[in-house]
Amino acid sequence: MKFKKLVLTGAAGRLGSYLREPLSKMCDELVSTDIVDDIGTLYPGEHFVQADIAKYDEVYPLLEGADMVVHFGAIVDERPFEAMLGPNFIGSYNIWEAGHQQGVRRVVYASSIHAVGMYPKTEFINTEMPHRPDTFYGLSKCFTEDLGRMYWEKRQMESVHLRILSAAQVTNPRALGSWLSYDDLIQLVTRAVDTPVVGFTIAYGVSNNDRAPVDNASASFLGYRPKDNAEEYAETILAEAEVADPMDIGTMRHGGPFASIPLGQSAVGNMGIIDDRKKT
């Protein structure tokens, strides 16, 4: 199936950089948008529009004639609530409300494990468990998941909420379970877009890791079958790692460092994430 128009928010981000090309091949027109001035060379059929998702009057025209929105635009770290409010809370509302007004069929949303990040690592979690956010960032994911459910139940606007665990290079023991490779990310987003009917769906964004700590069974109808496995990195990672402290909240909760930081303080800076975004 080839769509007429898709919209990708957060196109300048690390994950967005890997989604632009495959999404451009799924539609006649891909509108990529971000708050930055430029995202580099465009793919065939792709157009870039600079926009602030926290401003409704900038979001609304982007979605005219769009079949679906792949919504990856947000602050992707913990910040004080006031800083998160515009891009992460109001931005989500703007996407759903403008999408409804413009007749958008579906939103595919980059949610996060941090919506349930305070569950113990020893507890295998599924997609039906109540929210348990670890930060204001996680709270914004809970808000948007509930927003998506409400728009489905009240306005029949579909959405798939991808609770991404850690889509970054494997550099620590936690990532042996939480890793989502870029190839698997692309497959997951593609399945969320091309599955004929999704209603309101939550799916975990994680590769086929031996140590994956989540259960995606209820989202199996999407046809997402991850291929990569972080276990290939285990011997090296564990040989270099310090002995884990079972009393450390960051070690014992699904949210990792997000679970242990004070509210409003950055967690990403301590995670050793490598900025390997795709260049165009």
C-alpha atoms as a PDB file:
ATOM      1  CA  MET A   1       0.000   0.000   0.000  1.00  0.00           C
ATOM      2  CA  LYS A   2       1.287   3.449  -0.903  1.00  0.00           C
ATOM      3  CA  PHE A   3      -0.129   6.420   0.961  1.00  0.00           C
ATOM      4  CA  LYS A   4      -0.794   9.847  -0.476  1.00  0.00           C
ATOM      5  CA  LYS A   5       0.821  11.827   2.343  1.00  0.00           C
ATOM      6  CA  LEU A   6       2.615  11.039   5.594  1.00  0.00           C
ATOM      7  CA  VAL A   7       3.919  13.545   8.126  1.00  0.00           C
ATOM      8  CA  LEU A   8       6.982  12.910  10.295  1.00  0.00           C
ATOM      9  CA  THR A   9       7.615  15.135  13.310  1.00  0.00           C
ATOM     10  CA  GLY A  10      11.014  15.180  14.996  1.00  0.00           C
ATOM     11  CA  ALA A  11      12.648  14.588  11.605  1.00  0.00           C
ATOM     12  CA  ALA A  12      15.948  16.167  12.714  1.00  0.00           C
ATOM     13  CA  GLY A  13      16.283  13.835  15.699  1.00  0.00           C
ATOM     14  CA  ARG A  14      18.441  10.737  15.841  1.00  0.00           C
ATOM     15  CA  LEU A  15      15.545   8.312  15.379  1.00  0.00           C
ATOM     16  CA  GLY A  16      13.818  10.538  12.882  1.00  0.00           C
ATOM     17  CA  SER A  17      16.943  10.517  10.728  1.00  0.00           C
ATOM     18  CA  TYR A  18      16.558   6.749  10.238  1.00  0.00           C
ATOM     19  CA  LEU A  19      12.816   6.932   9.535  1.00  0.00           C
ATOM     20  CA  ARG A  20      12.819   9.570   6.809  1.00  0.00           C
ATOM     21  CA  GLU A  21      13.995   7.385   3.926  1.00  0.00           C
ATOM     22  CA  PRO A  22      11.758   4.326   4.554  1.00  0.00           C
ATOM     23  CA  LEU A  23       8.723   6.540   5.160  1.00  0.00           C
ATOM     24  CA  SER A  24       9.408   8.476   1.957  1.00  0.00           C
ATOM     25  CA  LYS A  25       9.130   5.197   0.047  1.00  0.00           C
ATOM     26  CA  MET A  26       5.702   4.465   1.559  1.00  0.00           C
ATOM     27  CA  CYS A  27       3.972   7.587   0.229  1.00  0.00           C
ATOM     28  CA  ASP A  28       3.728  10.046  -2.628  1.00  0.00           C
ATOM     29  CA  GLU A  29       4.598  12.918  -0.293  1.00  0.00           C
ATOM     30  CA  LEU A  30       6.463  12.884   3.007  1.00  0.00           C
ATOM     31  CA  VAL A  31       6.360  16.098   5.002  1.00  0.00           C
ATOM     32  CA  SER A  32       9.238  16.059   7.473  1.00  0.00           C
ATOM     33  CA  THR A  33       9.116  18.704  10.164  1.00  0.00           C
ATOM     34  CA  ASP A  34      11.179  19.892  13.103  1.00  0.00           C
ATOM     35  CA  ILE A  35      11.990  23.080  14.957  1.00  0.00           C
ATOM     36  CA  VAL A  36      15.459  23.319  13.356  1.00  0.00           C
ATOM     37  CA  ASP A  37      16.298  25.290  10.220  1.00  0.00           C
ATOM     38  CA  ASP A  38      17.399  22.384   8.028  1.00  0.00           C
ATOM     39  CA  ILE A  39      17.592  18.566   7.946  1.00  0.00           C
ATOM     40  CA  GLY A  40      20.016  18.090   5.063  1.00  0.00           C
ATOM     41  CA  THR A  41      19.461  16.569   1.633  1.00  0.00           C
ATOM     42  CA  LEU A  42      15.875  15.492   1.081  1.00  0.00           C
ATOM     43  CA  TYR A  43      14.778  12.112  -0.260  1.00  0.00           C
ATOM     44  CA  PRO A  44      12.576  11.839  -3.385  1.00  0.00           C
ATOM     45  CA  GLY A  45       9.061  12.937  -2.491  1.00  0.00           C
ATOM     46  CA  GLU A  46      10.152  14.467   0.839  1.00  0.00           C
ATOM     47  CA  HIS A  47       9.534  18.092   1.798  1.00  0.00           C
ATOM     48  CA  PHE A  48      10.809  19.848   4.915  1.00  0.00           C
ATOM     49  CA  VAL A  49       8.738  22.387   6.834  1.00  0.00           C
ATOM     50  CA  GLN A  50      10.141  24.114   9.895  1.00  0.00           C
ATOM     51  CA  ALA A  51       7.482  24.168  12.601  1.00  0.00           C
ATOM     52  CA  ASP A  52       7.037  24.220  16.363  1.00  0.00           C
ATOM     53  CA  ILE A  53       4.636  21.483  17.440  1.00  0.00           C
ATOM     54  CA  ALA A  54       3.789  23.500  20.564  1.00  0.00           C
ATOM     55  CA  LYS A  55       2.040  26.029  18.295  1.00  0.00           C
ATOM     56  CA  TYR A  56      -1.285  24.813  16.929  1.00  0.00           C
ATOM     57  CA  ASP A  57      -1.338  27.286  14.042  1.00  0.00           C
ATOM     58  CA  GLU A  58       1.950  25.800  12.790  1.00  0.00           C
ATOM     59  CA  VAL A  59       0.802  22.191  13.179  1.00  0.00           C
ATOM     60  CA  TYR A  60      -2.632  22.491  11.562  1.00  0.00           C
ATOM     61  CA  PRO A  61      -1.519  23.283   7.987  1.00  0.00           C
ATOM     62  CA  LEU A  62       1.107  20.522   8.051  1.00  0.00           C
ATOM     63  CA  LEU A  63      -1.572  17.864   8.387  1.00  0.00           C
ATOM     64  CA  GLU A  64      -3.797  18.965   5.517  1.00  0.00           C
ATOM     65  CA  GLY A  65      -4.439  15.941   3.330  1.00  0.00           C
ATOM     66  CA  ALA A  66      -2.288  13.632   5.470  1.00  0.00           C
ATOM     67  CA  ASP A  67      -3.206   9.979   5.873  1.00  0.00           C
ATOM     68  CA  MET A  68      -1.097   9.473   8.996  1.00  0.00           C
ATOM     69  CA  VAL A  69       1.340  11.236  11.297  1.00  0.00           C
ATOM     70  CA  VAL A  70       4.471   9.558  12.665  1.00  0.00           C
ATOM     71  CA  HIS A  71       4.945  11.701  15.756  1.00  0.00           C
ATOM     72  CA  PHE A  72       8.508  11.584  17.074  1.00  0.00           C
ATOM     73  CA  GLY A  73       8.866  15.278  17.925  1.00  0.00           C
ATOM     74  CA  ALA A  74       9.486  16.023  21.617  1.00  0.00           C
ATOM     75  CA  ILE A  75      12.098  16.796  24.238  1.00  0.00           C
ATOM     76  CA  VAL A  76      13.679  13.354  24.674  1.00  0.00           C
ATOM     77  CA  ASP A  77      15.134  13.807  28.145  1.00  0.00           C
ATOM     78  CA  GLU A  78      13.950  14.789  31.588  1.00  0.00           C
ATOM     79  CA  ARG A  79      13.495  18.530  32.131  1.00  0.00           C
ATOM     80  CA  PRO A  80      11.491  20.692  34.555  1.00  0.00           C
ATOM     81  CA  PHE A  81       7.776  20.362  33.931  1.00  0.00           C
ATOM     82  CA  GLU A  82       7.500  23.904  32.580  1.00  0.00           C
ATOM     83  CA  ALA A  83      10.029  23.079  29.839  1.00  0.00           C
ATOM     84  CA  MET A  84       8.240  19.839  28.922  1.00  0.00           C
ATOM     85  CA  LEU A  85       4.769  21.364  28.818  1.00  0.00           C
ATOM     86  CA  GLY A  86       4.944  22.909  25.341  1.00  0.00           C
ATOM     87  CA  PRO A  87       6.628  20.258  23.186  1.00  0.00           C
ATOM     88  CA  ASN A  88       5.633  17.095  25.072  1.00  0.00           C
ATOM     89  CA  PHE A  89       2.148  17.794  26.382  1.00  0.00           C
ATOM     90  CA  ILE A  90       0.660  20.608  24.301  1.00  0.00           C
ATOM     91  CA  GLY A  91       2.518  19.337  21.242  1.00  0.00           C
ATOM     92  CA  SER A  92       0.763  15.976  21.513  1.00  0.00           C
ATOM     93  CA  TYR A  93      -2.625  17.635  21.929  1.00  0.00           C
ATOM     94  CA  ASN A  94      -1.942  19.782  18.870  1.00  0.00           C
ATOM     95  CA  ILE A  95      -1.085  16.724  16.750  1.00  0.00           C
ATOM     96  CA  TRP A  96      -4.236  14.841  17.762  1.00  0.00           C
ATOM     97  CA  GLU A  97      -6.613  17.784  17.596  1.00  0.00           C
ATOM     98  CA  ALA A  98      -5.240  19.132  14.307  1.00  0.00           C
ATOM     99  CA  GLY A  99      -5.198  15.579  12.993  1.00  0.00           C
ATOM    100  CA  HIS A 100      -8.844  15.146  13.902  1.00  0.00           C
ATOM    101  CA  GLN A 101      -9.780  18.442  12.276  1.00  0.00           C
ATOM    102  CA  GLN A 102      -7.833  17.562   9.118  1.00  0.00           C
ATOM    103  CA  GLY A 103      -9.205  14.021   8.848  1.00  0.00           C
ATOM    104  CA  VAL A 104      -5.982  12.182   9.693  1.00  0.00           C
ATOM    105  CA  ARG A 105      -6.670   8.489  10.079  1.00  0.00           C
ATOM    106  CA  ARG A 106      -3.882   7.434  12.458  1.00  0.00           C
ATOM    107  CA  VAL A 107      -1.007   8.692  14.606  1.00  0.00           C
ATOM    108  CA  VAL A 108       2.053   6.526  15.240  1.00  0.00           C
ATOM    109  CA  TYR A 109       3.616   7.896  18.415  1.00  0.00           C
ATOM    110  CA  ALA A 110       7.051   7.518  19.944  1.00  0.00           C
ATOM    111  CA  SER A 111       6.063   6.639  23.493  1.00  0.00           C
ATOM    112  CA  SER A 112       8.583   5.234  25.953  1.00  0.00           C
ATOM    113  CA  ILE A 113       9.350   2.636  28.591  1.00  0.00           C
ATOM    114  CA  HIS A 114       9.431   5.603  30.965  1.00  0.00           C
ATOM    115  CA  ALA A 115       5.621   5.581  31.018  1.00  0.00           C
ATOM    116  CA  VAL A 116       6.046   2.461  33.159  1.00  0.00           C
ATOM    117  CA  GLY A 117       9.621   3.052  34.280  1.00  0.00           C
ATOM    118  CA  MET A 118       9.090   2.608  38.021  1.00  0.00           C
ATOM    119  CA  TYR A 119       8.136  -1.065  37.788  1.00  0.00           C
ATOM    120  CA  PRO A 120      10.863  -3.351  39.229  1.00  0.00           C
ATOM    121  CA  LYS A 121      13.236  -4.921  36.699  1.00  0.00           C
ATOM    122  CA  THR A 122      12.389  -8.315  38.177  1.00  0.00           C
ATOM    123  CA  GLU A 123       8.780  -7.846  37.041  1.00  0.00           C
ATOM    124  CA  PHE A 124       8.046  -8.858  33.427  1.00  0.00           C
ATOM    125  CA  ILE A 125       5.695  -6.133  32.173  1.00  0.00           C
ATOM    126  CA  ASN A 126       3.067  -6.232  29.431  1.00  0.00           C
ATOM    127  CA  THR A 127       1.124  -3.543  27.591  1.00  0.00           C
ATOM    128  CA  GLU A 128      -1.930  -3.738  29.853  1.00  0.00           C
ATOM    129  CA  MET A 129      -0.339  -2.704  33.156  1.00  0.00           C
ATOM    130  CA  PRO A 130      -1.225   0.677  34.698  1.00  0.00           C
ATOM    131  CA  HIS A 131       1.051   3.621  34.061  1.00  0.00           C
ATOM    132  CA  ARG A 132       3.920   4.081  36.496  1.00  0.00           C
ATOM    133  CA  PRO A 133       6.030   6.970  35.159  1.00  0.00           C
ATOM    134  CA  ASP A 134       9.536   7.638  36.399  1.00  0.00           C
ATOM    135  CA  THR A 135       9.857  11.321  35.425  1.00  0.00           C
ATOM    136  CA  PHE A 136       7.977  14.291  33.987  1.00  0.00           C
ATOM    137  CA  TYR A 137       9.185  12.933  30.640  1.00  0.00           C
ATOM    138  CA  GLY A 138       7.526   9.592  31.411  1.00  0.00           C
ATOM    139  CA  LEU A 139       4.416  11.440  32.553  1.00  0.00           C
ATOM    140  CA  SER A 140       4.197  13.130  29.143  1.00  0.00           C
ATOM    141  CA  LYS A 141       4.148   9.664  27.556  1.00  0.00           C
ATOM    142  CA  CYS A 142       1.341   8.578  29.895  1.00  0.00           C
ATOM    143  CA  PHE A 143      -0.596  11.713  28.977  1.00  0.00           C
ATOM    144  CA  THR A 144      -0.222  11.083  25.261  1.00  0.00           C
ATOM    145  CA  GLU A 145      -1.146   7.413  25.522  1.00  0.00           C
ATOM    146  CA  ASP A 146      -4.318   8.394  27.377  1.00  0.00           C
ATOM    147  CA  LEU A 147      -4.948  11.154  24.845  1.00  0.00           C
ATOM    148  CA  GLY A 148      -4.661   8.613  22.040  1.00  0.00           C
ATOM    149  CA  ARG A 149      -7.049   6.213  23.764  1.00  0.00           C
ATOM    150  CA  MET A 150      -9.569   9.001  24.296  1.00  0.00           C
ATOM    151  CA  TYR A 151      -9.437  10.166  20.660  1.00  0.00           C
ATOM    152  CA  TRP A 152      -9.953   6.562  19.541  1.00  0.00           C
ATOM    153  CA  GLU A 153     -12.902   5.954  21.849  1.00  0.00           C
ATOM    154  CA  LYS A 154     -14.534   9.369  21.337  1.00  0.00           C
ATOM    155  CA  ARG A 155     -13.529  10.233  17.762  1.00  0.00           C
ATOM    156  CA  GLN A 156     -12.430   6.928  16.175  1.00  0.00           C
ATOM    157  CA  MET A 157      -8.948   8.254  15.401  1.00  0.00           C
ATOM    158  CA  GLU A 158      -6.492   5.362  15.481  1.00  0.00           C
ATOM    159  CA  SER A 159      -3.087   5.419  17.151  1.00  0.00           C
ATOM    160  CA  VAL A 160      -0.173   3.116  17.856  1.00  0.00           C
ATOM    161  CA  HIS A 161       1.996   4.017  20.829  1.00  0.00           C
ATOM    162  CA  LEU A 162       5.507   2.607  20.582  1.00  0.00           C
ATOM    163  CA  ARG A 163       7.019   2.285  24.045  1.00  0.00           C
ATOM    164  CA  ILE A 164      10.652   2.477  22.975  1.00  0.00           C
ATOM    165  CA  LEU A 165      13.095   1.034  25.505  1.00  0.00           C
ATOM    166  CA  SER A 166      16.513   2.190  24.254  1.00  0.00           C
ATOM    167  CA  ALA A 167      17.114   2.834  20.569  1.00  0.00           C
ATOM    168  CA  ALA A 168      20.840   3.513  20.844  1.00  0.00           C
ATOM    169  CA  GLN A 169      24.082   1.619  20.587  1.00  0.00           C
ATOM    170  CA  VAL A 170      24.590  -1.076  23.227  1.00  0.00           C
ATOM    171  CA  THR A 171      27.013   0.455  25.745  1.00  0.00           C
ATOM    172  CA  ASN A 172      25.802  -0.845  29.139  1.00  0.00           C
ATOM    173  CA  PRO A 173      24.258  -3.933  30.781  1.00  0.00           C
ATOM    174  CA  ARG A 174      20.726  -2.491  30.781  1.00  0.00           C
ATOM    175  CA  ALA A 175      20.816  -2.248  26.990  1.00  0.00           C
ATOM    176  CA  LEU A 176      21.303  -6.026  26.700  1.00  0.00           C
ATOM    177  CA  GLY A 177      17.582  -6.257  27.391  1.00  0.00           C
ATOM    178  CA  SER A 178      16.316  -2.871  26.252  1.00  0.00           C
ATOM    179  CA  TRP A 179      18.090  -2.411  22.898  1.00  0.00           C
ATOM    180  CA  LEU A 180      16.036  -1.508  19.828  1.00  0.00           C
ATOM    181  CA  SER A 181      18.186  -1.595  16.690  1.00  0.00           C
ATOM    182  CA  TYR A 182      17.544   0.937  13.951  1.00  0.00           C
ATOM    183  CA  ASP A 183      16.526  -1.833  11.536  1.00  0.00           C
ATOM    184  CA  ASP A 184      13.969  -3.110  14.049  1.00  0.00           C
ATOM    185  CA  LEU A 185      12.788   0.454  14.709  1.00  0.00           C
ATOM    186  CA  ILE A 186      12.108   0.866  11.002  1.00  0.00           C
ATOM    187  CA  GLN A 187      10.254  -2.457  10.896  1.00  0.00           C
ATOM    188  CA  LEU A 188       8.155  -1.512  13.937  1.00  0.00           C
ATOM    189  CA  VAL A 189       7.158   1.881  12.549  1.00  0.00           C
ATOM    190  CA  THR A 190       6.433   0.372   9.139  1.00  0.00           C
ATOM    191  CA  ARG A 191       4.136  -2.245  10.683  1.00  0.00           C
ATOM    192  CA  ALA A 192       2.393   0.458  12.739  1.00  0.00           C
ATOM    193  CA  VAL A 193       1.736   2.382   9.531  1.00  0.00           C
ATOM    194  CA  ASP A 194       0.767  -0.407   7.122  1.00  0.00           C
ATOM    195  CA  THR A 195      -1.341  -2.644   9.392  1.00  0.00           C
ATOM    196  CA  PRO A 196      -4.912  -2.202   8.075  1.00  0.00           C
ATOM    197  CA  VAL A 197      -6.671  -1.749  11.434  1.00  0.00           C
ATOM    198  CA  VAL A 198      -5.035  -0.904  14.795  1.00  0.00           C
ATOM    199  CA  GLY A 199      -7.639   0.933  16.890  1.00  0.00           C
ATOM    200  CA  PHE A 200      -5.710   2.016  19.985  1.00  0.00           C
ATOM    201  CA  THR A 201      -2.568  -0.068  20.431  1.00  0.00           C
ATOM    202  CA  ILE A 202       0.481  -0.041  22.686  1.00  0.00           C
ATOM    203  CA  ALA A 203       3.579  -1.931  21.561  1.00  0.00           C
ATOM    204  CA  TYR A 204       7.030  -2.113  23.109  1.00  0.00           C
ATOM    205  CA  GLY A 205       9.899  -0.946  20.949  1.00  0.00           C
ATOM    206  CA  VAL A 206      12.540  -3.573  21.650  1.00  0.00           C
ATOM    207  CA  SER A 207      14.629  -5.946  19.559  1.00  0.00           C
ATOM    208  CA  ASN A 208      14.632  -9.739  19.793  1.00  0.00           C
ATOM    209  CA  ASN A 209      16.895  -9.683  22.846  1.00  0.00           C
ATOM    210  CA  ASP A 210      17.323 -12.789  24.974  1.00  0.00           C
ATOM    211  CA  ARG A 211      17.032 -10.511  28.034  1.00  0.00           C
ATOM    212  CA  ALA A 212      14.087  -8.369  26.860  1.00  0.00           C
ATOM    213  CA  PRO A 213      12.059  -7.480  29.989  1.00  0.00           C
ATOM    214  CA  VAL A 214       8.684  -6.799  28.343  1.00  0.00           C
ATOM    215  CA  ASP A 215       5.832  -8.740  26.761  1.00  0.00           C
ATOM    216  CA  ASN A 216       4.532  -7.668  23.340  1.00  0.00           C
ATOM    217  CA  ALA A 217       2.041 -10.502  22.893  1.00  0.00           C
ATOM    218  CA  SER A 218      -1.053  -8.300  22.763  1.00  0.00           C
ATOM    219  CA  ALA A 219       0.448  -6.285  19.893  1.00  0.00           C
ATOM    220  CA  SER A 220       1.481  -9.341  17.874  1.00  0.00           C
ATOM    221  CA  PHE A 221      -1.237  -8.619  15.290  1.00  0.00           C
ATOM    222  CA  LEU A 222       0.974  -5.764  13.999  1.00  0.00           C
ATOM    223  CA  GLY A 223       3.276  -8.382  12.541  1.00  0.00           C
ATOM    224  CA  TYR A 224       6.352  -6.871  14.200  1.00  0.00           C
ATOM    225  CA  ARG A 225       8.987  -9.603  14.394  1.00  0.00           C
ATOM    226  CA  PRO A 226      12.301  -8.092  15.499  1.00  0.00           C
ATOM    227  CA  LYS A 227      15.444  -9.708  14.111  1.00  0.00           C
ATOM    228  CA  ASP A 228      18.375  -8.236  16.060  1.00  0.00           C
ATOM    229  CA  ASN A 229      19.601  -9.483  19.437  1.00  0.00           C
ATOM    230  CA  ALA A 230      21.804  -7.563  21.874  1.00  0.00           C
ATOM    231  CA  GLU A 231      23.206 -10.820  23.227  1.00  0.00           C
ATOM    232  CA  GLU A 232      25.982 -10.564  20.646  1.00  0.00           C
ATOM    233  CA  TYR A 233      27.381  -7.719  22.765  1.00  0.00           C
ATOM    234  CA  ALA A 234      26.910  -9.402  26.151  1.00  0.00           C
ATOM    235  CA  GLU A 235      30.357 -10.902  26.661  1.00  0.00           C
ATOM    236  CA  THR A 236      32.139  -7.599  26.049  1.00  0.00           C
ATOM    237  CA  ILE A 237      29.639  -5.436  27.939  1.00  0.00           C
ATOM    238  CA  LEU A 238      29.522  -7.655  31.037  1.00  0.00           C
ATOM    239  CA  ALA A 239      33.300  -8.070  31.155  1.00  0.00           C
ATOM    240  CA  GLU A 240      33.716  -4.309  31.360  1.00  0.00           C
ATOM    241  CA  ALA A 241      30.788  -3.567  33.685  1.00  0.00           C
ATOM    242  CA  GLU A 242      31.009  -2.936  37.411  1.00  0.00           C
ATOM    243  CA  VAL A 243      29.167  -5.247  39.793  1.00  0.00           C
ATOM    244  CA  ALA A 244      25.518  -4.145  39.887  1.00  0.00           C
ATOM    245  CA  ASP A 245      24.202  -2.653  43.120  1.00  0.00           C
ATOM    246  CA  PRO A 246      20.816  -4.254  43.928  1.00  0.00           C
ATOM    247  CA  MET A 247      19.971  -1.264  46.132  1.00  0.00           C
ATOM    248  CA  ASP A 248      20.385   1.211  43.251  1.00  0.00           C
ATOM    249  CA  ILE A 249      16.966   2.276  41.960  1.00  0.00           C
ATOM    250  CA  GLY A 250      18.470   2.980  38.552  1.00  0.00           C
ATOM    251  CA  THR A 251      19.583  -0.638  38.345  1.00  0.00           C
ATOM    252  CA  MET A 252      16.421  -2.186  39.731  1.00  0.00           C
ATOM    253  CA  ARG A 253      13.732  -0.318  37.778  1.00  0.00           C
ATOM    254  CA  HIS A 254      12.737  -0.587  34.139  1.00  0.00           C
ATOM    255  CA  GLY A 255      13.392   3.119  33.635  1.00  0.00           C
ATOM    256  CA  GLY A 256      17.094   2.755  34.450  1.00  0.00           C
ATOM    257  CA  PRO A 257      18.773   6.126  35.188  1.00  0.00           C
ATOM    258  CA  PHE A 258      15.453   7.930  34.674  1.00  0.00           C
ATOM    259  CA  ALA A 259      14.105   6.119  37.731  1.00  0.00           C
ATOM    260  CA  SER A 260      16.876   7.346  39.999  1.00  0.00           C
ATOM    261  CA  ILE A 261      17.381  10.984  38.982  1.00  0.00           C
ATOM    262  CA  PRO A 262      15.573  13.822  40.791  1.00  0.00           C
ATOM    263  CA  LEU A 263      12.523  15.103  38.918  1.00  0.00           C
ATOM    264  CA  GLY A 264      13.412  17.758  36.386  1.00  0.00           C
ATOM    265  CA  GLN A 265      17.088  16.807  36.022  1.00  0.00           C
ATOM    266  CA  SER A 266      18.632  15.373  32.856  1.00  0.00           C
ATOM    267  CA  ALA A 267      19.220  11.634  32.648  1.00  0.00           C
ATOM    268  CA  VAL A 268      20.466  11.283  29.078  1.00  0.00           C
ATOM    269  CA  GLY A 269      23.776  12.977  29.855  1.00  0.00           C
ATOM    270  CA  ASN A 270      24.723  10.048  32.108  1.00  0.00           C
ATOM    271  CA  MET A 271      23.741   7.270  29.697  1.00  0.00           C
ATOM    272  CA  GLY A 272      26.623   7.393  27.221  1.00  0.00           C
ATOM    273  CA  ILE A 273      24.337   7.653  24.196  1.00  0.00           C
ATOM    274  CA  ILE A 274      26.298   7.960  20.948  1.00  0.00           C
ATOM    275  CA  ASP A 275      24.898  10.457  18.466  1.00  0.00           C
ATOM    276  CA  ASP A 276      25.071   8.285  15.347  1.00  0.00           C
ATOM    277  CA  ARG A 277      22.188   9.850  13.469  1.00  0.00           C
ATOM    278  CA  LYS A 278      21.976   9.060   9.779  1.00  0.00           C
ATOM    279  CA  LYS A 279      23.516  11.685   7.514  1.00  0.00           C
ATOM    280  CA  THR A 280      21.957  12.812   4.250  1.00  0.00           C
END
